[in-house]
């Protein structure tokens, strides 16, 4: 599918410099540009690539100055990154969707399958499952009894959705993720000297417009439901424990772990490998830097880093002092010896 510079400029509300009829059919990085591709330039430090790129069209931030002629057609915009994101969404939406049930898939006659649904080879759809219109179930997906999926869900290969779990509309789950495995519930038994398993009889509820990365696990609750609210985005390898409640539009990077019965507010952002203790509350718009640990509740509207989390400036000052501890320790020992000698003399 091809788009001309004129069509793209109208879509992103940009200004053309060059041939308005230049056409593209794919995307490329500016340093790897090829004929027929569109690239972008948002950072002036990369401007040298613009003079050599083979890209046909380049989106350029309006404030970037160009001091010599260039071969590509330019489209000047206020924010090239945002415009590329919008174009990529348009490009993705234009791709044709798969339809129909592969003859190698198993779909229970007791399942309810909506219109224009795709079910790939070796997928397993159990009794009582409901799948909404336009959803895409890729090969080797397992959806267990009485699970519910809304419209336009995209479930990639090797995903497992356990029994009774509920997914809203426009939910994307990437390969290898597990929705609704048992929460980690065990109680020590003094009589037997073993751990007794606590049955996890709840479910997982995932609301609309959620995206879940590869190999992420969201555990079912002991009772009631584990909740992932509207608009949440989870990266790969994230662990959400039982009975947690992840607030709307919260984003978590890779290897974040949230322990059980914790409530996370709206519009939070957690960097990679953040750990959150159980049975606490994280307020709205809390930003936690990578590898931070939250052992206790946090109030809203904070940017924190470290374990326990502290404001960024205080954290960096503490780290600077930490690196000097060996030197400070030697100075302290020397001072202590001087004080002892002065005491002896007095």
Protein backbone atom coordinates (compact mmCIF):
# COMPACT_ATOMS: atom_id res chain seq x y z
CA UNK A 1 0.00 0.00 0.00
CA UNK A 2 1.52 3.30 -1.10
CA UNK A 3 1.06 6.83 0.22
CA UNK A 4 2.22 10.07 -1.39
CA UNK A 5 3.93 12.95 0.38
CA UNK A 6 0.78 15.01 -0.18
CA UNK A 7 -1.43 12.40 1.50
CA UNK A 8 0.97 12.02 4.42
CA UNK A 9 1.29 15.79 4.89
CA UNK A 10 -2.49 16.14 4.99
CA UNK A 11 -2.74 13.36 7.58
CA UNK A 12 -0.04 14.78 9.90
CA UNK A 13 -0.78 18.44 9.06
CA UNK A 14 2.77 19.04 7.82
CA UNK A 15 4.42 21.25 5.20
CA UNK A 16 6.06 19.68 2.14
CA UNK A 17 9.52 20.65 0.92
CA UNK A 18 10.11 18.83 -2.36
CA UNK A 19 8.02 16.53 -4.56
CA UNK A 20 4.47 16.20 -3.23
CA UNK A 21 3.93 13.17 -5.48
CA UNK A 22 6.85 11.19 -4.00
CA UNK A 23 5.42 7.90 -2.71
CA UNK A 24 6.43 5.39 -0.03
CA UNK A 25 5.28 1.94 0.97
CA UNK A 26 7.36 1.15 4.06
CA UNK A 27 9.29 2.64 7.01
CA UNK A 28 13.03 2.73 7.75
CA UNK A 29 15.48 4.36 10.14
CA UNK A 30 17.07 7.40 8.56
CA UNK A 31 20.56 5.83 8.66
CA UNK A 32 19.23 2.71 6.92
CA UNK A 33 16.91 4.46 4.47
CA UNK A 34 15.93 2.82 1.20
CA UNK A 35 14.02 4.03 -1.83
CA UNK A 36 10.28 3.88 -1.20
CA UNK A 37 10.60 4.29 2.58
CA UNK A 38 9.74 7.08 4.99
CA UNK A 39 12.03 8.04 7.89
CA UNK A 40 12.03 10.74 10.55
CA UNK A 41 14.47 13.22 12.07
CA UNK A 42 13.62 14.56 15.52
CA UNK A 43 17.07 15.09 17.05
CA UNK A 44 19.51 17.62 15.48
CA UNK A 45 22.50 15.41 16.42
CA UNK A 46 21.42 12.96 13.70
CA UNK A 47 21.10 15.59 10.95
CA UNK A 48 24.21 14.29 9.14
CA UNK A 49 22.22 11.18 8.16
CA UNK A 50 19.76 13.39 6.28
CA UNK A 51 22.35 14.32 3.63
CA UNK A 52 23.13 10.70 2.73
CA UNK A 53 19.91 8.81 3.40
CA UNK A 54 18.23 6.93 0.55
CA UNK A 55 14.76 7.37 2.09
CA UNK A 56 12.22 8.90 -0.27
CA UNK A 57 10.44 10.98 2.40
CA UNK A 58 11.69 12.23 5.77
CA UNK A 59 9.55 13.74 8.49
CA UNK A 60 11.53 16.57 10.10
CA UNK A 61 10.90 18.58 13.26
CA UNK A 62 10.12 22.16 12.22
CA UNK A 63 12.85 23.69 14.43
CA UNK A 64 15.71 21.73 12.79
CA UNK A 65 17.80 23.87 10.42
CA UNK A 66 19.14 22.32 7.21
CA UNK A 67 22.12 24.11 5.66
CA UNK A 68 22.40 22.38 2.28
CA UNK A 69 20.19 20.63 -0.30
CA UNK A 70 18.92 17.11 0.40
CA UNK A 71 17.60 14.38 -1.91
CA UNK A 72 14.50 13.22 0.02
CA UNK A 73 11.19 15.06 0.06
CA UNK A 74 10.81 16.64 3.51
CA UNK A 75 7.62 17.03 5.51
CA UNK A 76 7.99 19.61 8.27
CA UNK A 77 5.96 18.87 11.42
CA UNK A 78 5.90 20.09 15.02
CA UNK A 79 6.79 16.67 16.45
CA UNK A 80 8.22 14.05 14.09
CA UNK A 81 8.16 11.25 16.68
CA UNK A 82 4.45 11.70 17.36
CA UNK A 83 3.70 11.82 13.63
CA UNK A 84 5.62 8.61 12.98
CA UNK A 85 3.67 6.90 15.77
CA UNK A 86 0.40 7.98 14.14
CA UNK A 87 1.57 6.79 10.73
CA UNK A 88 2.65 3.43 12.14
CA UNK A 89 -0.80 3.01 13.69
CA UNK A 90 -2.38 3.80 10.32
CA UNK A 91 -0.02 1.35 8.58
CA UNK A 92 -0.82 -1.41 11.07
CA UNK A 93 -4.57 -0.82 10.83
CA UNK A 94 -4.37 -1.15 7.04
CA UNK A 95 -3.02 -4.71 7.24
CA UNK A 96 -5.67 -7.32 6.37
CA UNK A 97 -7.00 -9.40 9.26
CA UNK A 98 -7.21 -13.17 9.21
CA UNK A 99 -10.66 -14.76 9.31
CA UNK A 100 -12.11 -18.19 9.89
CA UNK A 101 -11.38 -21.23 12.03
CA UNK A 102 -8.46 -23.38 10.95
CA UNK A 103 -9.50 -27.04 10.50
CA UNK A 104 -6.69 -28.06 12.87
CA UNK A 105 -8.08 -25.92 15.72
CA UNK A 106 -10.39 -27.35 18.38
CA UNK A 107 -13.42 -25.20 19.15
CA UNK A 108 -15.97 -26.62 21.56
CA UNK A 109 -19.52 -26.70 20.23
CA UNK A 110 -20.46 -25.08 23.55
CA UNK A 111 -18.27 -22.03 22.83
CA UNK A 112 -19.71 -18.78 21.43
CA UNK A 113 -17.64 -17.34 18.60
CA UNK A 114 -18.40 -13.84 17.27
CA UNK A 115 -18.29 -12.51 13.73
CA UNK A 116 -15.05 -12.26 11.71
CA UNK A 117 -13.06 -14.20 14.31
CA UNK A 118 -9.82 -16.01 13.43
CA UNK A 119 -8.75 -19.16 15.28
CA UNK A 120 -5.37 -20.57 14.23
CA UNK A 121 -4.15 -24.16 13.98
CA UNK A 122 -3.89 -26.16 17.22
CA UNK A 123 -5.65 -23.51 19.26
CA UNK A 124 -7.94 -24.94 21.96
CA UNK A 125 -11.22 -23.22 22.79
CA UNK A 126 -13.00 -24.94 25.69
CA UNK A 127 -16.64 -25.27 26.77
CA UNK A 128 -18.44 -22.06 27.62
CA UNK A 129 -15.82 -19.72 26.13
CA UNK A 130 -17.10 -16.50 24.56
CA UNK A 131 -15.01 -14.70 21.93
CA UNK A 132 -16.15 -11.30 20.66
CA UNK A 133 -16.34 -10.02 17.10
CA UNK A 134 -13.13 -9.48 15.16
CA UNK A 135 -10.84 -11.19 17.67
CA UNK A 136 -7.71 -12.98 16.46
CA UNK A 137 -6.65 -16.19 18.22
CA UNK A 138 -3.28 -17.34 16.88
CA UNK A 139 -1.99 -20.96 16.76
CA UNK A 140 -1.39 -22.93 19.96
CA UNK A 141 -3.42 -20.61 22.17
CA UNK A 142 -5.33 -22.28 25.00
CA UNK A 143 -8.53 -20.68 26.30
CA UNK A 144 -10.06 -22.69 29.13
CA UNK A 145 -13.65 -23.18 30.26
CA UNK A 146 -15.96 -20.18 30.55
CA UNK A 147 -13.32 -17.56 29.79
CA UNK A 148 -14.65 -14.43 28.07
CA UNK A 149 -12.92 -12.28 25.45
CA UNK A 150 -14.36 -9.03 24.12
CA UNK A 151 -14.26 -7.63 20.59
CA UNK A 152 -11.06 -7.14 18.58
CA UNK A 153 -8.75 -8.96 20.97
CA UNK A 154 -5.38 -10.11 19.62
CA UNK A 155 -4.00 -13.24 21.29
CA UNK A 156 -0.60 -14.34 20.00
CA UNK A 157 0.75 -17.93 19.92
CA UNK A 158 1.34 -19.96 23.09
CA UNK A 159 -0.83 -17.75 25.33
CA UNK A 160 -2.83 -19.55 28.05
CA UNK A 161 -6.01 -18.01 29.43
CA UNK A 162 -7.34 -19.99 32.39
CA UNK A 163 -10.94 -20.77 33.20
CA UNK A 164 -13.47 -18.02 34.01
CA UNK A 165 -11.07 -15.13 33.30
CA UNK A 166 -12.56 -12.04 31.64
CA UNK A 167 -10.97 -9.87 28.95
CA UNK A 168 -12.50 -6.66 27.64
CA UNK A 169 -12.32 -5.18 24.16
CA UNK A 170 -9.10 -4.46 22.23
CA UNK A 171 -6.88 -6.52 24.51
CA UNK A 172 -3.52 -7.63 23.08
CA UNK A 173 -1.57 -10.46 24.74
CA UNK A 174 1.82 -11.45 23.37
CA UNK A 175 3.32 -14.92 23.11
CA UNK A 176 3.92 -17.07 26.16
CA UNK A 177 1.86 -15.05 28.62
CA UNK A 178 -0.32 -16.79 31.20
CA UNK A 179 -3.53 -15.21 32.43
CA UNK A 180 -5.17 -16.70 35.50
CA UNK A 181 -2.66 -19.22 36.87
CA UNK A 182 -3.05 -19.86 40.59
CA UNK A 183 -1.90 -17.15 42.94
CA UNK A 184 1.03 -18.07 45.18
CA UNK A 185 -0.98 -19.10 48.22
CA UNK A 186 0.40 -21.61 50.73
CA UNK A 187 0.07 -21.95 54.51
CA UNK A 188 2.54 -23.84 56.76
CA UNK A 189 1.00 -26.82 58.55
CA UNK A 190 2.72 -27.53 61.86
CA UNK A 191 1.10 -30.96 62.13
CA UNK A 192 2.30 -32.29 58.80
CA UNK A 193 5.46 -30.24 58.52
CA UNK A 194 4.43 -29.23 55.02
CA UNK A 195 2.72 -26.36 53.22
CA UNK A 196 -1.00 -26.59 52.54
CA UNK A 197 -2.13 -25.09 49.26
CA UNK A 198 -4.79 -22.39 49.59
CA UNK A 199 -7.23 -22.88 46.69
CA UNK A 200 -7.33 -19.88 44.36
CA UNK A 201 -10.99 -19.71 43.40
CA UNK A 202 -11.07 -16.16 42.00
CA UNK A 203 -10.41 -14.89 38.47
CA UNK A 204 -8.48 -12.28 36.49
CA UNK A 205 -10.33 -9.34 34.95
CA UNK A 206 -8.57 -7.41 32.18
CA UNK A 207 -10.40 -4.29 31.03
CA UNK A 208 -10.44 -2.58 27.61
CA UNK A 209 -7.38 -1.41 25.62
CA UNK A 210 -4.80 -3.34 27.64
CA UNK A 211 -1.57 -4.66 26.10
CA UNK A 212 0.44 -7.39 27.80
CA UNK A 213 3.99 -8.29 26.73
CA UNK A 214 5.50 -11.71 26.11
CA UNK A 215 5.95 -14.17 28.99
CA UNK A 216 4.08 -12.00 31.46
CA UNK A 217 2.02 -13.70 34.18
CA UNK A 218 -1.10 -12.36 35.87
CA UNK A 219 -2.33 -14.61 38.69
CA UNK A 220 -5.93 -15.30 39.59
CA UNK A 221 -7.14 -14.12 42.97
CA UNK A 222 -7.75 -16.22 46.04
CA UNK A 223 -11.31 -14.86 46.01
CA UNK A 224 -12.88 -12.14 43.90
CA UNK A 225 -10.65 -10.90 41.07
CA UNK A 226 -7.21 -9.64 40.18
CA UNK A 227 -7.80 -6.46 38.13
CA UNK A 228 -5.86 -4.91 35.26
CA UNK A 229 -7.75 -1.71 34.50
CA UNK A 230 -8.36 0.12 31.22
CA UNK A 231 -5.39 1.24 29.16
CA UNK A 232 -2.69 -0.56 31.18
CA UNK A 233 0.48 -1.50 29.26
CA UNK A 234 2.71 -4.27 30.62
CA UNK A 235 6.10 -5.11 29.15
CA UNK A 236 7.62 -8.60 28.79
CA UNK A 237 8.35 -10.71 31.87
CA UNK A 238 6.12 -8.82 34.30
CA UNK A 239 4.62 -10.63 37.31
CA UNK A 240 1.28 -9.47 38.71
CA UNK A 241 0.34 -11.45 41.80
CA UNK A 242 -3.08 -12.46 43.11
CA UNK A 243 -5.67 -9.94 44.26
CA UNK A 244 -3.73 -6.95 42.93
CA UNK A 245 -5.48 -4.01 41.27
CA UNK A 246 -3.48 -2.17 38.60
CA UNK A 247 -4.98 1.27 37.93
CA UNK A 248 -5.96 2.73 34.56
CA UNK A 249 -3.22 3.70 32.09
CA UNK A 250 -0.39 2.48 34.29
CA UNK A 251 2.76 1.35 32.46
CA UNK A 252 5.29 -1.23 33.69
CA UNK A 253 8.63 -2.08 32.07
CA UNK A 254 10.25 -5.50 31.89
CA UNK A 255 10.73 -7.66 34.99
CA UNK A 256 8.53 -5.60 37.28
CA UNK A 257 7.04 -7.67 40.09
CA UNK A 258 3.96 -6.66 42.08
CA UNK A 259 3.17 -8.78 45.14
CA UNK A 260 -0.30 -9.86 46.22
CA UNK A 261 -3.18 -7.67 47.38
CA UNK A 262 -1.49 -4.43 46.32
CA UNK A 263 -3.39 -1.55 44.76
CA UNK A 264 -1.55 0.53 42.15
CA UNK A 265 -3.07 3.87 41.13
CA UNK A 266 -3.73 5.43 37.73
CA UNK A 267 -1.06 6.72 35.33
CA UNK A 268 1.85 5.20 37.25
CA UNK A 269 5.12 4.38 35.47
CA UNK A 270 7.46 1.67 36.78
CA UNK A 271 10.93 1.20 35.27
CA UNK A 272 12.56 -2.17 34.69
CA UNK A 273 12.94 -4.57 37.65
CA UNK A 274 10.88 -2.50 40.06
CA UNK A 275 9.64 -4.58 42.99
CA UNK A 276 6.48 -3.73 44.92
CA UNK A 277 5.61 -5.37 48.25
CA UNK A 278 2.26 -6.91 49.01
CA UNK A 279 -0.72 -5.40 50.84
CA UNK A 280 0.26 -1.77 50.13
CA UNK A 281 -1.21 1.11 48.12
CA UNK A 282 0.63 3.08 45.44
CA UNK A 283 -1.03 6.43 44.66
CA UNK A 284 -1.78 7.92 41.24
CA UNK A 285 1.00 9.21 38.95
CA UNK A 286 3.85 7.62 40.88
CA UNK A 287 7.01 7.21 38.80
CA UNK A 288 9.49 4.62 40.08
CA UNK A 289 12.96 4.44 38.51
CA UNK A 290 14.51 1.15 37.39
CA UNK A 291 15.35 -1.36 40.14
CA UNK A 292 13.47 0.59 42.79
CA UNK A 293 11.78 -1.30 45.60
CA UNK A 294 8.59 -0.15 47.33
CA UNK A 295 8.25 -1.89 50.74
CA UNK A 296 5.43 0.38 51.93
CA UNK A 297 2.63 2.56 50.57
CA UNK A 298 3.43 5.64 48.47
CA UNK A 299 1.44 8.86 48.05
CA UNK A 300 0.37 10.21 44.65
CA UNK A 301 2.33 12.50 42.31
CA UNK A 302 5.90 11.48 43.15
CA UNK A 303 9.00 10.64 41.10
CA UNK A 304 11.12 8.25 43.15
CA UNK A 305 14.09 5.92 42.81
CA UNK A 306 15.96 3.45 45.02
CA UNK A 307 15.07 1.11 47.88
CA UNK A 308 13.28 2.39 49.82
CA UNK A 309 12.28 4.95 47.17
CA UNK A 310 13.36 8.56 47.61
CA UNK A 311 13.23 11.70 45.45
CA UNK A 312 15.65 11.59 42.52
CA UNK A 313 17.92 14.42 43.67
CA UNK A 314 18.26 12.98 47.16
CA UNK A 315 18.95 9.54 45.70
CA UNK A 316 21.76 10.76 43.44
CA UNK A 317 23.32 12.73 46.32
CA UNK A 318 23.18 9.59 48.47
CA UNK A 319 24.81 7.53 45.72
CA UNK A 320 27.60 10.07 45.40
CA UNK A 321 28.22 9.82 49.16
CA UNK A 322 27.99 6.04 49.05
CA UNK A 323 30.90 5.89 46.58
CA UNK A 324 32.98 7.93 49.05
CA UNK A 325 32.24 5.70 52.05
CA UNK A 326 35.62 3.89 52.05
CA UNK A 327 37.43 7.24 52.05
CA UNK A 328 35.09 8.66 54.72
CA UNK A 329 35.59 5.51 56.81
CA UNK A 330 39.36 5.95 56.74
CA UNK A 331 39.03 9.61 57.72
CA UNK A 332 36.70 8.70 60.57
CA UNK A 333 39.14 6.09 61.89
CA UNK A 334 41.98 8.60 61.72
CA UNK A 335 39.93 11.20 63.58
CA UNK A 336 38.96 8.65 66.21
CA UNK A 337 42.64 7.80 66.83
CA UNK A 338 43.49 11.51 67.15
CA UNK A 339 40.69 12.01 69.67
CA UNK A 340 41.89 9.02 71.73
CA UNK A 341 45.47 10.34 71.74
CA UNK A 342 44.26 13.79 72.82
CA UNK A 343 42.29 12.19 75.65
CA UNK A 344 45.38 10.36 76.87
CA UNK A 345 47.43 13.56 76.84
CA UNK A 346 44.76 15.49 78.74
